Amino acid sequence: MAGAKARADLAGLNVVLPRSPDRAAAMTAELESRGAAVALLPLIDFQFPSDTGPLDSALMSLRSGRFAWVIFTSVTTVRAMVRRCAALGVPAASAVPAGTRIAAVGAGTRKALEDIGLDVDLMPEGDHSARGLAESWPHPEDTGPEGGALRILLPQADLADPGLRDNLTSLGWDVRAVTAYCTVDYPATGVRFTPAADAGTAGTARVLTPREFLAAAPARPSAVVLTSPSIVRRFLRLCSPVPAGTLLVAIGDSTAAQMAELDITPDAVADQPTPEGIAQALAVAMSTGPTT
């Protein structure tokens, strides 16, 4: 009985997820299962850089065994790699040679890699973030394949925080960071590589524009889940002033830090950037109410 009550801990809450339908399915399902009504507010999109040459070169070097490790920090990075591998005529499953180890941030990233036939050797267990990965990184003496000693490939977003690269470099690793994709306003006008949403991707979630979000007059409590520093910046630019009484929940510490820099206090911060972690943070925010 207690378990049934816990699964309804978000009953009566309107939750707005600033994600496109193709990226919101798991979180939407979790929140709806706990009683929340979910709407989507896509604010960012992803596209390839205008010049994919550096990424293509890095992928070919990866395939030839020149790196001891390759790190994937998001599902979007995996999708970018798969698309570029296809363009290069390389099966994604063979893009990482047997001797090169794979690190991933987050269960979703791990699943995306496993779905294309790649096994993950390292994923942070406690802190599911780039910071957690850096803290759990093996000693440089564990050099990996011949020719790949101390070399790490780090494909990432153009707006990626340099913290992970800097931390690994300070440990003695030679980190090659390369832009795998660019974060842009939704919808992307360049070459978009994320899959188009099908009718059932995000369940019953309605898709809002910023204008529709601001015009809405919710009859019950509302919350917005801010899922990255770039989302924070775009949300405040496009959706201000935020309707009074709206709960603002950060997906993790880096997002909360960006909010603080912009003089916004999160009503809760998720302990883990997972659907379950977000749901728990929303439950906390509901119990304490808005901070402003």
Protein backbone atom coordinates (compact mmCIF):
# COMPACT_ATOMS: atom_id res chain seq x y z
CA MET A 1 0.00 0.00 0.00
CA ALA A 2 2.85 2.35 0.82
CA GLY A 3 4.36 1.68 -2.60
CA ALA A 4 1.07 2.58 -4.32
CA LYS A 5 0.96 5.86 -2.42
CA ALA A 6 4.53 6.71 -3.43
CA ARG A 7 3.72 6.18 -7.09
CA ALA A 8 1.07 8.90 -6.88
CA ASP A 9 3.26 11.48 -5.15
CA LEU A 10 3.00 13.90 -8.11
CA ALA A 11 -0.78 13.78 -8.42
CA GLY A 12 -2.20 17.22 -9.21
CA LEU A 13 1.06 18.63 -10.61
CA ASN A 14 1.47 20.07 -14.12
CA VAL A 15 5.07 19.44 -15.23
CA VAL A 16 6.67 21.20 -18.19
CA LEU A 17 9.68 19.45 -19.73
CA PRO A 18 11.80 21.63 -22.04
CA ARG A 19 12.53 18.75 -24.38
CA SER A 20 11.48 17.70 -27.86
CA PRO A 21 9.22 14.60 -28.11
CA ASP A 22 12.05 12.34 -29.30
CA ARG A 23 13.98 12.99 -26.07
CA ALA A 24 11.17 13.02 -23.52
CA ALA A 25 9.66 9.53 -23.57
CA ALA A 26 11.28 8.00 -20.48
CA MET A 27 10.85 11.04 -18.27
CA THR A 28 7.27 11.60 -19.44
CA ALA A 29 6.36 7.99 -18.68
CA GLU A 30 7.84 8.18 -15.18
CA LEU A 31 6.13 11.44 -14.27
CA GLU A 32 2.75 10.37 -15.66
CA SER A 33 2.97 7.09 -13.78
CA ARG A 34 3.30 9.11 -10.58
CA GLY A 35 0.22 11.21 -11.28
CA ALA A 36 1.65 14.29 -13.01
CA ALA A 37 0.28 15.86 -16.18
CA VAL A 38 3.17 16.50 -18.59
CA ALA A 39 3.60 19.07 -21.35
CA LEU A 40 6.68 19.58 -23.52
CA LEU A 41 8.35 22.90 -24.24
CA PRO A 42 11.16 22.29 -26.76
CA LEU A 43 13.76 25.06 -26.43
CA ILE A 44 16.93 23.59 -27.86
CA ASP A 45 17.78 21.35 -30.76
CA PHE A 46 20.93 19.72 -32.08
CA GLN A 47 22.67 19.79 -35.42
CA PHE A 48 26.06 18.96 -36.86
CA PRO A 49 28.73 21.66 -36.99
CA SER A 50 29.07 23.28 -40.40
CA ASP A 51 32.38 21.42 -40.80
CA THR A 52 32.27 17.78 -39.71
CA GLY A 53 35.87 17.20 -40.84
CA PRO A 54 37.40 17.21 -37.32
CA LEU A 55 34.71 14.81 -36.06
CA ASP A 56 35.12 12.50 -39.04
CA SER A 57 38.89 12.48 -38.61
CA ALA A 58 38.54 11.70 -34.90
CA LEU A 59 36.15 8.81 -35.61
CA MET A 60 38.52 7.29 -38.13
CA SER A 61 41.41 7.62 -35.65
CA LEU A 62 39.22 5.97 -33.03
CA ARG A 63 38.48 3.05 -35.33
CA SER A 64 42.19 2.58 -36.06
CA GLY A 65 42.92 2.11 -32.35
CA ARG A 66 44.69 5.37 -31.58
CA PHE A 67 42.81 5.98 -28.34
CA ALA A 68 42.85 4.07 -25.06
CA TRP A 69 39.39 5.39 -24.16
CA VAL A 70 36.42 7.09 -25.76
CA ILE A 71 33.92 8.95 -23.57
CA PHE A 72 30.25 9.47 -24.39
CA THR A 73 28.58 12.00 -22.11
CA SER A 74 25.08 11.96 -23.61
CA VAL A 75 22.66 10.08 -25.83
CA THR A 76 22.96 12.96 -28.30
CA THR A 77 26.69 12.31 -28.66
CA VAL A 78 25.99 8.65 -29.44
CA ARG A 79 23.41 9.64 -32.06
CA ALA A 80 25.86 12.04 -33.68
CA MET A 81 28.52 9.33 -33.87
CA VAL A 82 26.09 6.82 -35.38
CA ARG A 83 25.00 9.29 -38.06
CA ARG A 84 28.55 10.29 -39.01
CA CYS A 85 29.69 6.67 -39.04
CA ALA A 86 26.91 5.92 -41.51
CA ALA A 87 28.06 8.82 -43.69
CA LEU A 88 31.61 7.43 -43.60
CA GLY A 89 30.43 3.92 -44.44
CA VAL A 90 31.49 2.56 -41.05
CA PRO A 91 29.13 0.32 -39.02
CA ALA A 92 28.63 2.01 -35.65
CA ALA A 93 29.30 -1.26 -33.81
CA SER A 94 32.80 -1.41 -35.32
CA ALA A 95 33.64 2.25 -34.73
CA VAL A 96 35.28 1.40 -31.41
CA PRO A 97 37.93 -1.36 -31.71
CA ALA A 98 38.04 -4.19 -29.21
CA GLY A 99 41.08 -2.80 -27.37
CA THR A 100 39.60 0.64 -26.76
CA ARG A 101 37.56 1.11 -23.61
CA ILE A 102 34.28 2.99 -23.47
CA ALA A 103 33.08 5.30 -20.70
CA ALA A 104 29.55 6.67 -20.47
CA VAL A 105 27.70 9.23 -18.39
CA GLY A 106 24.17 8.19 -17.48
CA ALA A 107 22.07 5.07 -17.90
CA GLY A 108 20.44 6.46 -21.04
CA THR A 109 23.82 6.91 -22.71
CA ARG A 110 24.83 3.40 -21.72
CA LYS A 111 21.64 1.96 -23.20
CA ALA A 112 22.13 3.91 -26.44
CA LEU A 113 25.61 2.39 -26.78
CA GLU A 114 24.43 -1.11 -25.95
CA ASP A 115 21.63 -0.76 -28.50
CA ILE A 116 24.23 -0.41 -31.25
CA GLY A 117 26.36 -3.28 -29.93
CA LEU A 118 28.94 -1.44 -27.83
CA ASP A 119 29.65 -2.46 -24.24
CA VAL A 120 30.46 0.15 -21.61
CA ASP A 121 33.56 -0.40 -19.47
CA LEU A 122 33.11 2.50 -17.05
CA MET A 123 30.13 4.48 -15.80
CA PRO A 124 30.03 6.48 -12.56
CA GLU A 125 27.93 4.67 -9.99
CA GLY A 126 27.08 7.40 -7.50
CA ASP A 127 27.27 10.77 -9.25
CA HIS A 128 25.87 10.18 -12.76
CA SER A 129 27.57 13.23 -14.25
CA ALA A 130 30.77 14.30 -15.95
CA ARG A 131 32.08 15.26 -12.53
CA GLY A 132 31.30 11.79 -11.20
CA LEU A 133 33.08 10.23 -14.17
CA ALA A 134 36.20 12.31 -13.54
CA GLU A 135 36.20 11.27 -9.88
CA SER A 136 36.01 7.57 -10.79
CA TRP A 137 38.50 7.70 -13.66
CA PRO A 138 41.25 5.02 -13.60
CA HIS A 139 44.90 5.84 -13.07
CA PRO A 140 46.85 6.74 -16.24
CA GLU A 141 49.11 3.71 -15.76
CA ASP A 142 46.20 1.66 -17.10
CA THR A 143 47.07 2.77 -20.63
CA GLY A 144 44.96 0.49 -22.84
CA PRO A 145 45.86 -0.63 -26.36
CA GLU A 146 49.26 -0.20 -27.98
CA GLY A 147 49.37 3.15 -29.74
CA GLY A 148 46.50 4.45 -27.63
CA ALA A 149 48.49 4.98 -24.44
CA LEU A 150 47.15 7.90 -22.38
CA ARG A 151 44.93 9.11 -25.22
CA ILE A 152 41.22 9.79 -24.72
CA LEU A 153 38.68 10.81 -27.35
CA LEU A 154 35.98 13.11 -26.00
CA PRO A 155 33.28 13.92 -28.59
CA GLN A 156 30.96 16.55 -27.10
CA ALA A 157 28.69 19.52 -27.63
CA ASP A 158 30.02 22.88 -28.75
CA LEU A 159 28.81 24.30 -25.41
CA ALA A 160 30.27 21.53 -23.25
CA ASP A 161 31.77 22.51 -19.92
CA PRO A 162 35.57 22.07 -20.12
CA GLY A 163 35.68 20.61 -16.61
CA LEU A 164 35.84 16.93 -17.61
CA ARG A 165 38.58 17.53 -20.19
CA ASP A 166 40.59 19.67 -17.75
CA ASN A 167 40.26 17.15 -14.91
CA LEU A 168 41.43 14.25 -17.06
CA THR A 169 44.27 16.31 -18.49
CA SER A 170 45.41 17.15 -14.97
CA LEU A 171 45.65 13.41 -14.28
CA GLY A 172 48.12 13.03 -17.14
CA TRP A 173 45.81 11.94 -19.95
CA ASP A 174 46.04 13.34 -23.47
CA VAL A 175 42.44 14.33 -24.16
CA ARG A 176 41.28 15.09 -27.68
CA ALA A 177 38.01 16.98 -27.40
CA VAL A 178 36.08 17.33 -30.65
CA THR A 179 32.74 18.98 -31.41
CA ALA A 180 30.24 16.26 -32.27
CA TYR A 181 27.19 18.53 -32.39
CA CYS A 182 26.01 22.08 -31.87
CA THR A 183 23.25 23.20 -29.52
CA VAL A 184 20.86 25.62 -31.22
CA ASP A 185 17.43 27.11 -30.69
CA TYR A 186 14.54 24.77 -31.49
CA PRO A 187 13.90 23.86 -34.24
CA ALA A 188 17.32 23.37 -35.83
CA THR A 189 17.84 24.92 -39.25
CA GLY A 190 20.98 22.94 -40.08
CA VAL A 191 21.55 19.22 -40.46
CA ARG A 192 19.52 17.71 -37.62
CA PHE A 193 20.50 14.15 -36.74
CA THR A 194 18.17 13.27 -33.87
CA PRO A 195 15.23 11.05 -34.87
CA ALA A 196 11.87 12.49 -35.77
CA ALA A 197 9.23 11.88 -33.13
CA ASP A 198 6.57 9.33 -33.86
CA ALA A 199 3.04 9.62 -32.57
CA GLY A 200 3.68 7.60 -29.42
CA THR A 201 7.14 8.85 -28.49
CA ALA A 202 6.11 11.06 -25.57
CA GLY A 203 2.76 9.53 -24.75
CA THR A 204 -0.02 12.05 -24.22
CA ALA A 205 2.25 15.03 -23.60
CA ARG A 206 1.18 18.24 -25.30
CA VAL A 207 3.86 20.31 -27.08
CA LEU A 208 3.88 24.02 -26.17
CA THR A 209 5.56 27.08 -27.62
CA PRO A 210 7.06 29.66 -25.24
CA ARG A 211 4.11 31.96 -25.97
CA GLU A 212 1.63 29.21 -25.11
CA PHE A 213 3.52 28.45 -21.92
CA LEU A 214 3.33 32.08 -20.78
CA ALA A 215 -0.32 32.40 -21.79
CA ALA A 216 -1.39 29.30 -19.88
CA ALA A 217 -3.29 29.86 -16.65
CA PRO A 218 -2.90 26.54 -14.84
CA ALA A 219 -5.70 25.50 -12.53
CA ARG A 220 -3.30 23.43 -10.45
CA PRO A 221 0.38 23.69 -9.36
CA SER A 222 2.98 23.83 -12.14
CA ALA A 223 6.66 22.96 -12.31
CA VAL A 224 9.37 23.31 -14.93
CA VAL A 225 12.29 20.89 -15.06
CA LEU A 226 15.43 22.67 -16.25
CA THR A 227 17.67 20.04 -17.80
CA SER A 228 20.95 21.83 -18.66
CA PRO A 229 22.69 25.20 -18.32
CA SER A 230 21.81 26.05 -21.93
CA ILE A 231 18.14 25.24 -21.20
CA VAL A 232 18.25 27.63 -18.22
CA ARG A 233 19.53 30.46 -20.40
CA ARG A 234 17.01 29.88 -23.17
CA PHE A 235 14.12 29.40 -20.77
CA LEU A 236 14.77 32.71 -19.05
CA ARG A 237 15.25 34.45 -22.38
CA LEU A 238 12.07 33.10 -23.97
CA CYS A 239 9.76 32.46 -21.02
CA SER A 240 10.18 35.45 -18.72
CA PRO A 241 8.65 36.57 -16.55
CA VAL A 242 8.08 33.10 -15.17
CA PRO A 243 4.47 32.77 -13.94
CA ALA A 244 4.20 33.32 -10.20
CA GLY A 245 4.19 30.16 -8.11
CA THR A 246 5.94 28.03 -10.75
CA LEU A 247 8.27 25.44 -9.23
CA LEU A 248 11.71 25.34 -10.86
CA VAL A 249 13.62 22.06 -10.55
CA ALA A 250 17.22 21.57 -11.71
CA ILE A 251 18.37 18.26 -13.14
CA GLY A 252 21.77 18.52 -11.44
CA ASP A 253 24.43 20.70 -9.88
CA SER A 254 25.72 22.34 -13.07
CA THR A 255 22.19 23.41 -14.01
CA ALA A 256 21.58 24.69 -10.48
CA ALA A 257 24.86 26.64 -10.65
CA GLN A 258 23.75 28.32 -13.89
CA MET A 259 20.46 29.26 -12.23
CA ALA A 260 22.35 30.77 -9.30
CA GLU A 261 24.52 32.81 -11.67
CA LEU A 262 21.32 34.27 -13.10
CA ASP A 263 19.87 34.97 -9.63
CA ILE A 264 17.34 32.13 -9.78
CA THR A 265 16.99 29.75 -6.85
CA PRO A 266 15.91 26.18 -7.71
CA ASP A 267 13.09 24.79 -5.62
CA ALA A 268 14.81 21.39 -5.73
CA VAL A 269 17.86 19.78 -7.35
CA ALA A 270 17.74 16.16 -8.47
CA ASP A 271 20.24 13.86 -6.80
CA GLN A 272 20.51 11.90 -10.05
CA PRO A 273 19.72 13.04 -13.64
CA THR A 274 17.32 10.14 -14.19
CA PRO A 275 13.53 10.04 -14.55
CA GLU A 276 13.29 8.67 -11.01
CA GLY A 277 15.65 11.35 -9.68
CA ILE A 278 13.65 14.10 -11.38
CA ALA A 279 10.39 12.72 -10.02
CA GLN A 280 11.78 12.69 -6.50
CA ALA A 281 13.02 16.28 -6.82
CA LEU A 282 9.58 17.35 -8.03
CA ALA A 283 7.99 15.66 -5.02
CA VAL A 284 10.35 17.59 -2.74
CA ALA A 285 9.53 20.87 -4.49
CA MET A 286 5.80 20.17 -4.14
CA SER A 287 6.16 19.60 -0.40
CA THR A 288 8.19 22.76 0.23
CA GLY A 289 6.59 25.11 -2.29
CA PRO A 290 8.27 27.79 -4.43
CA THR A 291 11.24 29.61 -2.93
CA THR A 292 10.27 32.91 -4.55
